[in-house]
């Protein structure tokens, strides 16, 4: 006697419903990490700032570009030879 499979059985092609709160792709994970860093008071900044940034800061605060770069290096924790 042959039996039929139950009609409420999960098929082999079943995929779990999407949960928007679970972000598992790399891009979403990266954005979540950046958001978490921001919420904790941290930020991401380039190790070597663009020359335009240094010139702009120097002009705004009335210091030389070398002074502005020195402040940036101090805040970023880089010494004179550590920056690439």
PDB file of N, CA and C in Angstrom:
ATOM      1  N   UNK A   1       0.839  -1.155   0.000  1.00  0.00           N
ATOM      2  CA  UNK A   1       0.000   0.000   0.000  1.00  0.00           C
ATOM      3  C   UNK A   1       0.900   1.239   0.000  1.00  0.00           C
ATOM      4  N   UNK A   2       0.739   2.082  -0.992  1.00  0.00           N
ATOM      5  CA  UNK A   2       1.537   3.295  -1.123  1.00  0.00           C
ATOM      6  C   UNK A   2       0.919   4.406  -0.288  1.00  0.00           C
ATOM      7  N   UNK A   3       1.793   5.185   0.324  1.00  0.00           N
ATOM      8  CA  UNK A   3       1.297   6.308   1.116  1.00  0.00           C
ATOM      9  C   UNK A   3       1.728   7.610   0.470  1.00  0.00           C
ATOM     10  N   UNK A   4       0.955   8.621   0.639  1.00  0.00           N
ATOM     11  CA  UNK A   4       1.275   9.935   0.109  1.00  0.00           C
ATOM     12  C   UNK A   4       2.050  10.725   1.167  1.00  0.00           C
ATOM     13  N   UNK A   5       2.995  11.572   0.725  1.00  0.00           N
ATOM     14  CA  UNK A   5       3.704  12.401   1.713  1.00  0.00           C
ATOM     15  C   UNK A   5       2.741  13.415   2.307  1.00  0.00           C
ATOM     16  N   UNK A   6       2.982  13.859   3.525  1.00  0.00           N
ATOM     17  CA  UNK A   6       2.101  14.849   4.136  1.00  0.00           C
ATOM     18  C   UNK A   6       2.113  16.145   3.320  1.00  0.00           C
ATOM     19  N   UNK A   7       0.981  16.793   3.271  1.00  0.00           N
ATOM     20  CA  UNK A   7       0.877  18.028   2.489  1.00  0.00           C
ATOM     21  C   UNK A   7       1.552  19.206   3.186  1.00  0.00           C
ATOM     22  N   UNK A   8       1.808  19.120   4.455  1.00  0.00           N
ATOM     23  CA  UNK A   8       2.455  20.214   5.171  1.00  0.00           C
ATOM     24  C   UNK A   8       3.961  19.997   5.351  1.00  0.00           C
ATOM     25  N   UNK A   9       4.534  19.058   4.611  1.00  0.00           N
ATOM     26  CA  UNK A   9       5.977  18.784   4.712  1.00  0.00           C
ATOM     27  C   UNK A   9       6.769  19.896   4.035  1.00  0.00           C
ATOM     28  N   UNK A  10       7.977  20.140   4.525  1.00  0.00           N
ATOM     29  CA  UNK A  10       8.859  21.153   3.944  1.00  0.00           C
ATOM     30  C   UNK A  10       9.557  20.534   2.746  1.00  0.00           C
ATOM     31  N   UNK A  11       9.454  21.179   1.603  1.00  0.00           N
ATOM     32  CA  UNK A  11      10.083  20.645   0.400  1.00  0.00           C
ATOM     33  C   UNK A  11      11.595  20.834   0.475  1.00  0.00           C
ATOM     34  N   UNK A  12      12.313  20.128  -0.384  1.00  0.00           N
ATOM     35  CA  UNK A  12      13.774  20.236  -0.384  1.00  0.00           C
ATOM     36  C   UNK A  12      14.241  21.595  -0.898  1.00  0.00           C
ATOM     37  N   UNK A  13      13.383  22.336  -1.587  1.00  0.00           N
ATOM     38  CA  UNK A  13      13.748  23.652  -2.088  1.00  0.00           C
ATOM     39  C   UNK A  13      13.380  24.768  -1.134  1.00  0.00           C
ATOM     40  N   UNK A  14      13.066  24.433   0.101  1.00  0.00           N
ATOM     41  CA  UNK A  14      12.637  25.428   1.079  1.00  0.00           C
ATOM     42  C   UNK A  14      13.757  26.409   1.399  1.00  0.00           C
ATOM     43  N   UNK A  15      13.409  27.670   1.459  1.00  0.00           N
ATOM     44  CA  UNK A  15      14.352  28.698   1.905  1.00  0.00           C
ATOM     45  C   UNK A  15      13.698  29.462   3.049  1.00  0.00           C
ATOM     46  N   UNK A  16      14.455  29.714   4.070  1.00  0.00           N
ATOM     47  CA  UNK A  16      13.926  30.435   5.227  1.00  0.00           C
ATOM     48  C   UNK A  16      13.498  31.837   4.805  1.00  0.00           C
ATOM     49  N   UNK A  17      12.473  32.378   5.447  1.00  0.00           N
ATOM     50  CA  UNK A  17      12.059  33.735   5.102  1.00  0.00           C
ATOM     51  C   UNK A  17      13.170  34.736   5.417  1.00  0.00           C
ATOM     52  N   UNK A  18      13.239  35.787   4.616  1.00  0.00           N
ATOM     53  CA  UNK A  18      14.263  36.812   4.836  1.00  0.00           C
ATOM     54  C   UNK A  18      13.918  37.619   6.075  1.00  0.00           C
ATOM     55  N   UNK A  19      14.912  37.821   6.892  1.00  0.00           N
ATOM     56  CA  UNK A  19      14.752  38.638   8.082  1.00  0.00           C
ATOM     57  C   UNK A  19      15.585  39.892   7.873  1.00  0.00           C
ATOM     58  N   UNK A  20      14.944  41.064   7.682  1.00  0.00           N
ATOM     59  CA  UNK A  20      15.728  42.267   7.387  1.00  0.00           C
ATOM     60  C   UNK A  20      16.701  42.662   8.484  1.00  0.00           C
ATOM     61  N   UNK A  21      16.505  42.148   9.697  1.00  0.00           N
ATOM     62  CA  UNK A  21      17.435  42.513  10.775  1.00  0.00           C
ATOM     63  C   UNK A  21      18.710  41.674  10.728  1.00  0.00           C
ATOM     64  N   UNK A  22      18.706  40.603   9.943  1.00  0.00           N
ATOM     65  CA  UNK A  22      19.900  39.770   9.817  1.00  0.00           C
ATOM     66  C   UNK A  22      20.586  40.112   8.503  1.00  0.00           C
ATOM     67  N   UNK A  23      21.727  40.764   8.579  1.00  0.00           N
ATOM     68  CA  UNK A  23      22.462  41.180   7.392  1.00  0.00           C
ATOM     69  C   UNK A  23      23.719  40.326   7.301  1.00  0.00           C
ATOM     70  N   UNK A  24      23.756  39.409   6.336  1.00  0.00           N
ATOM     71  CA  UNK A  24      24.893  38.506   6.278  1.00  0.00           C
ATOM     72  C   UNK A  24      25.795  38.751   5.072  1.00  0.00           C
ATOM     73  N   UNK A  25      25.398  39.645   4.149  1.00  0.00           N
ATOM     74  CA  UNK A  25      26.282  39.880   3.015  1.00  0.00           C
ATOM     75  C   UNK A  25      27.411  40.821   3.437  1.00  0.00           C
ATOM     76  N   UNK A  26      28.566  40.744   2.783  1.00  0.00           N
ATOM     77  CA  UNK A  26      29.729  41.533   3.205  1.00  0.00           C
ATOM     78  C   UNK A  26      29.483  43.044   3.224  1.00  0.00           C
ATOM     79  N   UNK A  27      28.760  43.566   2.240  1.00  0.00           N
ATOM     80  CA  UNK A  27      28.519  45.006   2.195  1.00  0.00           C
ATOM     81  C   UNK A  27      27.698  45.458   3.395  1.00  0.00           C
ATOM     82  N   UNK A  28      26.619  44.739   3.688  1.00  0.00           N
ATOM     83  CA  UNK A  28      25.774  45.095   4.833  1.00  0.00           C
ATOM     84  C   UNK A  28      26.538  44.947   6.142  1.00  0.00           C
ATOM     85  N   UNK A  29      27.364  43.917   6.233  1.00  0.00           N
ATOM     86  CA  UNK A  29      28.168  43.720   7.439  1.00  0.00           C
ATOM     87  C   UNK A  29      29.154  44.872   7.625  1.00  0.00           C
ATOM     88  N   UNK A  30      29.751  45.335   6.525  1.00  0.00           N
ATOM     89  CA  UNK A  30      30.687  46.453   6.604  1.00  0.00           C
ATOM     90  C   UNK A  30      29.984  47.729   7.037  1.00  0.00           C
ATOM     91  N   UNK A  31      28.811  47.986   6.467  1.00  0.00           N
ATOM     92  CA  UNK A  31      28.049  49.168   6.870  1.00  0.00           C
ATOM     93  C   UNK A  31      27.648  49.096   8.340  1.00  0.00           C
ATOM     94  N   UNK A  32      27.269  47.906   8.789  1.00  0.00           N
ATOM     95  CA  UNK A  32      26.894  47.736  10.188  1.00  0.00           C
ATOM     96  C   UNK A  32      28.087  48.002  11.104  1.00  0.00           C
ATOM     97  N   UNK A  33      29.279  47.561  10.697  1.00  0.00           N
ATOM     98  CA  UNK A  33      30.487  47.804  11.487  1.00  0.00           C
ATOM     99  C   UNK A  33      30.797  49.297  11.563  1.00  0.00           C
ATOM    100  N   UNK A  34      30.698  49.989  10.430  1.00  0.00           N
ATOM    101  CA  UNK A  34      30.956  51.431  10.425  1.00  0.00           C
ATOM    102  C   UNK A  34      29.947  52.151  11.309  1.00  0.00           C
ATOM    103  N   UNK A  35      28.687  51.738  11.237  1.00  0.00           N
ATOM    104  CA  UNK A  35      27.651  52.324  12.087  1.00  0.00           C
ATOM    105  C   UNK A  35      27.958  52.083  13.564  1.00  0.00           C
ATOM    106  N   UNK A  36      28.372  50.874  13.897  1.00  0.00           N
ATOM    107  CA  UNK A  36      28.712  50.538  15.279  1.00  0.00           C
ATOM    108  C   UNK A  36      29.903  51.369  15.766  1.00  0.00           C
ATOM    109  N   UNK A  37      30.913  51.531  14.919  1.00  0.00           N
ATOM    110  CA  UNK A  37      32.062  52.358  15.295  1.00  0.00           C
ATOM    111  C   UNK A  37      31.627  53.795  15.565  1.00  0.00           C
ATOM    112  N   UNK A  38      30.753  54.323  14.709  1.00  0.00           N
ATOM    113  CA  UNK A  38      30.261  55.685  14.898  1.00  0.00           C
ATOM    114  C   UNK A  38      29.492  55.840  16.188  1.00  0.00           C
ATOM    115  N   UNK A  39      28.667  54.854  16.503  1.00  0.00           N
ATOM    116  CA  UNK A  39      27.882  54.909  17.742  1.00  0.00           C
ATOM    117  C   UNK A  39      28.769  54.824  18.975  1.00  0.00           C
ATOM    118  N   UNK A  40      29.943  54.209  18.818  1.00  0.00           N
ATOM    119  CA  UNK A  40      30.857  54.092  19.962  1.00  0.00           C
ATOM    120  C   UNK A  40      31.823  55.283  20.044  1.00  0.00           C
ATOM    121  N   UNK A  41      31.661  56.260  19.135  1.00  0.00           N
ATOM    122  CA  UNK A  41      32.483  57.460  19.192  1.00  0.00           C
ATOM    123  C   UNK A  41      33.749  57.391  18.360  1.00  0.00           C
ATOM    124  N   UNK A  42      33.908  56.349  17.574  1.00  0.00           N
ATOM    125  CA  UNK A  42      35.095  56.218  16.733  1.00  0.00           C
ATOM    126  C   UNK A  42      34.746  56.562  15.292  1.00  0.00           C
ATOM    127  N   UNK A  43      35.765  56.889  14.507  1.00  0.00           N
ATOM    128  CA  UNK A  43      35.545  57.129  13.093  1.00  0.00           C
ATOM    129  C   UNK A  43      36.704  56.571  12.299  1.00  0.00           C
ATOM    130  N   UNK A  44      36.481  56.396  11.023  1.00  0.00           N
ATOM    131  CA  UNK A  44      37.529  55.919  10.125  1.00  0.00           C
ATOM    132  C   UNK A  44      38.063  57.107   9.348  1.00  0.00           C
ATOM    133  N   UNK A  45      39.367  57.180   9.234  1.00  0.00           N
ATOM    134  CA  UNK A  45      40.006  58.260   8.488  1.00  0.00           C
ATOM    135  C   UNK A  45      41.189  57.676   7.730  1.00  0.00           C
ATOM    136  N   UNK A  46      41.556  58.287   6.625  1.00  0.00           N
ATOM    137  CA  UNK A  46      42.697  57.757   5.863  1.00  0.00           C
ATOM    138  C   UNK A  46      44.006  57.915   6.633  1.00  0.00           C
ATOM    139  N   UNK A  47      44.908  56.971   6.459  1.00  0.00           N
ATOM    140  CA  UNK A  47      46.215  57.060   7.113  1.00  0.00           C
ATOM    141  C   UNK A  47      46.996  58.251   6.580  1.00  0.00           C
ATOM    142  N   UNK A  48      46.839  58.525   5.295  1.00  0.00           N
ATOM    143  CA  UNK A  48      47.519  59.671   4.685  1.00  0.00           C
ATOM    144  C   UNK A  48      46.450  60.586   4.098  1.00  0.00           C
ATOM    145  N   UNK A  49      46.271  61.760   4.680  1.00  0.00           N
ATOM    146  CA  UNK A  49      45.244  62.668   4.165  1.00  0.00           C
ATOM    147  C   UNK A  49      45.643  63.263   2.818  1.00  0.00           C
ATOM    148  N   UNK A  50      44.642  63.598   2.035  1.00  0.00           N
ATOM    149  CA  UNK A  50      44.885  64.268   0.754  1.00  0.00           C
ATOM    150  C   UNK A  50      45.494  65.643   1.004  1.00  0.00           C
ATOM    151  N   UNK A  51      46.327  66.088   0.083  1.00  0.00           N
ATOM    152  CA  UNK A  51      46.954  67.411   0.214  1.00  0.00           C
ATOM    153  C   UNK A  51      45.912  68.517   0.306  1.00  0.00           C
ATOM    154  N   UNK A  52      44.796  68.362  -0.422  1.00  0.00           N
ATOM    155  CA  UNK A  52      43.745  69.380  -0.386  1.00  0.00           C
ATOM    156  C   UNK A  52      43.157  69.519   1.015  1.00  0.00           C
ATOM    157  N   UNK A  53      43.030  68.423   1.727  1.00  0.00           N
ATOM    158  CA  UNK A  53      42.517  68.462   3.098  1.00  0.00           C
ATOM    159  C   UNK A  53      43.486  69.221   4.002  1.00  0.00           C
ATOM    160  N   UNK A  54      44.757  68.900   3.889  1.00  0.00           N
ATOM    161  CA  UNK A  54      45.770  69.560   4.713  1.00  0.00           C
ATOM    162  C   UNK A  54      45.786  71.064   4.428  1.00  0.00           C
ATOM    163  N   UNK A  55      45.760  71.432   3.148  1.00  0.00           N
ATOM    164  CA  UNK A  55      45.775  72.861   2.783  1.00  0.00           C
ATOM    165  C   UNK A  55      44.535  73.580   3.300  1.00  0.00           C
ATOM    166  N   UNK A  56      43.384  72.908   3.202  1.00  0.00           N
ATOM    167  CA  UNK A  56      42.132  73.512   3.667  1.00  0.00           C
ATOM    168  C   UNK A  56      42.147  73.743   5.175  1.00  0.00           C
ATOM    169  N   UNK A  57      42.601  72.760   5.916  1.00  0.00           N
ATOM    170  CA  UNK A  57      42.682  72.889   7.379  1.00  0.00           C
ATOM    171  C   UNK A  57      43.687  73.971   7.757  1.00  0.00           C
ATOM    172  N   UNK A  58      44.827  73.994   7.083  1.00  0.00           N
ATOM    173  CA  UNK A  58      45.854  75.001   7.378  1.00  0.00           C
ATOM    174  C   UNK A  58      45.304  76.407   7.152  1.00  0.00           C
ATOM    175  N   UNK A  59      44.607  76.594   6.046  1.00  0.00           N
ATOM    176  CA  UNK A  59      44.040  77.907   5.734  1.00  0.00           C
ATOM    177  C   UNK A  59      42.970  78.297   6.750  1.00  0.00           C
ATOM    178  N   UNK A  60      42.102  77.351   7.080  1.00  0.00           N
ATOM    179  CA  UNK A  60      40.994  77.649   7.999  1.00  0.00           C
ATOM    180  C   UNK A  60      41.495  78.061   9.388  1.00  0.00           C
ATOM    181  N   UNK A  61      42.536  77.398   9.864  1.00  0.00           N
ATOM    182  CA  UNK A  61      43.007  77.652  11.231  1.00  0.00           C
ATOM    183  C   UNK A  61      44.256  78.515  11.295  1.00  0.00           C
ATOM    184  N   UNK A  62      44.700  79.035  10.152  1.00  0.00           N
ATOM    185  CA  UNK A  62      45.831  79.953  10.144  1.00  0.00           C
ATOM    186  C   UNK A  62      47.143  79.326  10.565  1.00  0.00           C
ATOM    187  N   UNK A  63      47.365  78.086  10.147  1.00  0.00           N
ATOM    188  CA  UNK A  63      48.631  77.411  10.439  1.00  0.00           C
ATOM    189  C   UNK A  63      49.256  76.979   9.117  1.00  0.00           C
ATOM    190  N   UNK A  64      50.488  76.573   9.172  1.00  0.00           N
ATOM    191  CA  UNK A  64      51.147  76.106   7.951  1.00  0.00           C
ATOM    192  C   UNK A  64      50.658  74.695   7.613  1.00  0.00           C
ATOM    193  N   UNK A  65      50.775  74.300   6.337  1.00  0.00           N
ATOM    194  CA  UNK A  65      50.417  72.924   5.977  1.00  0.00           C
ATOM    195  C   UNK A  65      51.225  71.877   6.765  1.00  0.00           C
ATOM    196  N   UNK A  66      52.480  72.179   7.052  1.00  0.00           N
ATOM    197  CA  UNK A  66      53.291  71.234   7.840  1.00  0.00           C
ATOM    198  C   UNK A  66      52.742  71.087   9.259  1.00  0.00           C
ATOM    199  N   UNK A  67      52.279  72.200   9.844  1.00  0.00           N
ATOM    200  CA  UNK A  67      51.681  72.121  11.178  1.00  0.00           C
ATOM    201  C   UNK A  67      50.376  71.323  11.136  1.00  0.00           C
ATOM    202  N   UNK A  68      49.564  71.573  10.131  1.00  0.00           N
ATOM    203  CA  UNK A  68      48.302  70.842  10.005  1.00  0.00           C
ATOM    204  C   UNK A  68      48.559  69.346   9.832  1.00  0.00           C
ATOM    205  N   UNK A  69      49.558  69.013   9.009  1.00  0.00           N
ATOM    206  CA  UNK A  69      49.897  67.601   8.802  1.00  0.00           C
ATOM    207  C   UNK A  69      50.436  66.983  10.089  1.00  0.00           C
ATOM    208  N   UNK A  70      51.208  67.750  10.839  1.00  0.00           N
ATOM    209  CA  UNK A  70      51.733  67.259  12.115  1.00  0.00           C
ATOM    210  C   UNK A  70      50.624  66.962  13.113  1.00  0.00           C
ATOM    211  N   UNK A  71      49.621  67.833  13.149  1.00  0.00           N
ATOM    212  CA  UNK A  71      48.480  67.593  14.037  1.00  0.00           C
ATOM    213  C   UNK A  71      47.738  66.334  13.604  1.00  0.00           C
ATOM    214  N   UNK A  72      47.523  66.187  12.307  1.00  0.00           N
ATOM    215  CA  UNK A  72      46.840  64.999  11.791  1.00  0.00           C
ATOM    216  C   UNK A  72      47.605  63.735  12.172  1.00  0.00           C
ATOM    217  N   UNK A  73      48.922  63.773  11.990  1.00  0.00           N
ATOM    218  CA  UNK A  73      49.744  62.605  12.332  1.00  0.00           C
ATOM    219  C   UNK A  73      49.667  62.294  13.827  1.00  0.00           C
ATOM    220  N   UNK A  74      49.654  63.335  14.631  1.00  0.00           N
ATOM    221  CA  UNK A  74      49.571  63.132  16.080  1.00  0.00           C
ATOM    222  C   UNK A  74      48.246  62.495  16.461  1.00  0.00           C
ATOM    223  N   UNK A  75      47.139  63.019  15.917  1.00  0.00           N
ATOM    224  CA  UNK A  75      45.823  62.470  16.224  1.00  0.00           C
ATOM    225  C   UNK A  75      45.709  61.036  15.718  1.00  0.00           C
ATOM    226  N   UNK A  76      46.228  60.779  14.516  1.00  0.00           N
ATOM    227  CA  UNK A  76      46.128  59.448  13.935  1.00  0.00           C
ATOM    228  C   UNK A  76      47.117  58.464  14.569  1.00  0.00           C
ATOM    229  N   UNK A  77      48.061  58.971  15.351  1.00  0.00           N
ATOM    230  CA  UNK A  77      49.021  58.100  16.021  1.00  0.00           C
ATOM    231  C   UNK A  77      50.206  57.710  15.160  1.00  0.00           C
ATOM    232  N   UNK A  78      50.471  58.470  14.088  1.00  0.00           N
ATOM    233  CA  UNK A  78      51.587  58.185  13.225  1.00  0.00           C
ATOM    234  C   UNK A  78      52.730  59.135  13.502  1.00  0.00           C
ATOM    235  N   UNK A  79      53.922  58.606  13.447  1.00  0.00           N
ATOM    236  CA  UNK A  79      55.108  59.458  13.555  1.00  0.00           C
ATOM    237  C   UNK A  79      55.497  59.975  12.189  1.00  0.00           C
ATOM    238  N   UNK A  80      56.534  60.731  12.136  1.00  0.00           N
ATOM    239  CA  UNK A  80      56.986  61.362  10.888  1.00  0.00           C
ATOM    240  C   UNK A  80      57.267  60.333   9.792  1.00  0.00           C
ATOM    241  N   UNK A  81      57.835  59.174  10.154  1.00  0.00           N
ATOM    242  CA  UNK A  81      58.229  58.181   9.139  1.00  0.00           C
ATOM    243  C   UNK A  81      57.225  57.044   9.009  1.00  0.00           C
ATOM    244  N   UNK A  82      56.206  57.024   9.855  1.00  0.00           N
ATOM    245  CA  UNK A  82      55.264  55.911   9.825  1.00  0.00           C
ATOM    246  C   UNK A  82      54.231  56.015   8.716  1.00  0.00           C
ATOM    247  N   UNK A  83      53.972  57.206   8.232  1.00  0.00           N
ATOM    248  CA  UNK A  83      52.948  57.380   7.199  1.00  0.00           C
ATOM    249  C   UNK A  83      53.505  56.978   5.849  1.00  0.00           C
ATOM    250  N   UNK A  84      52.679  56.336   5.049  1.00  0.00           N
ATOM    251  CA  UNK A  84      53.109  55.930   3.710  1.00  0.00           C
ATOM    252  C   UNK A  84      52.568  56.879   2.678  1.00  0.00           C
TER     253      UNK A  84
END
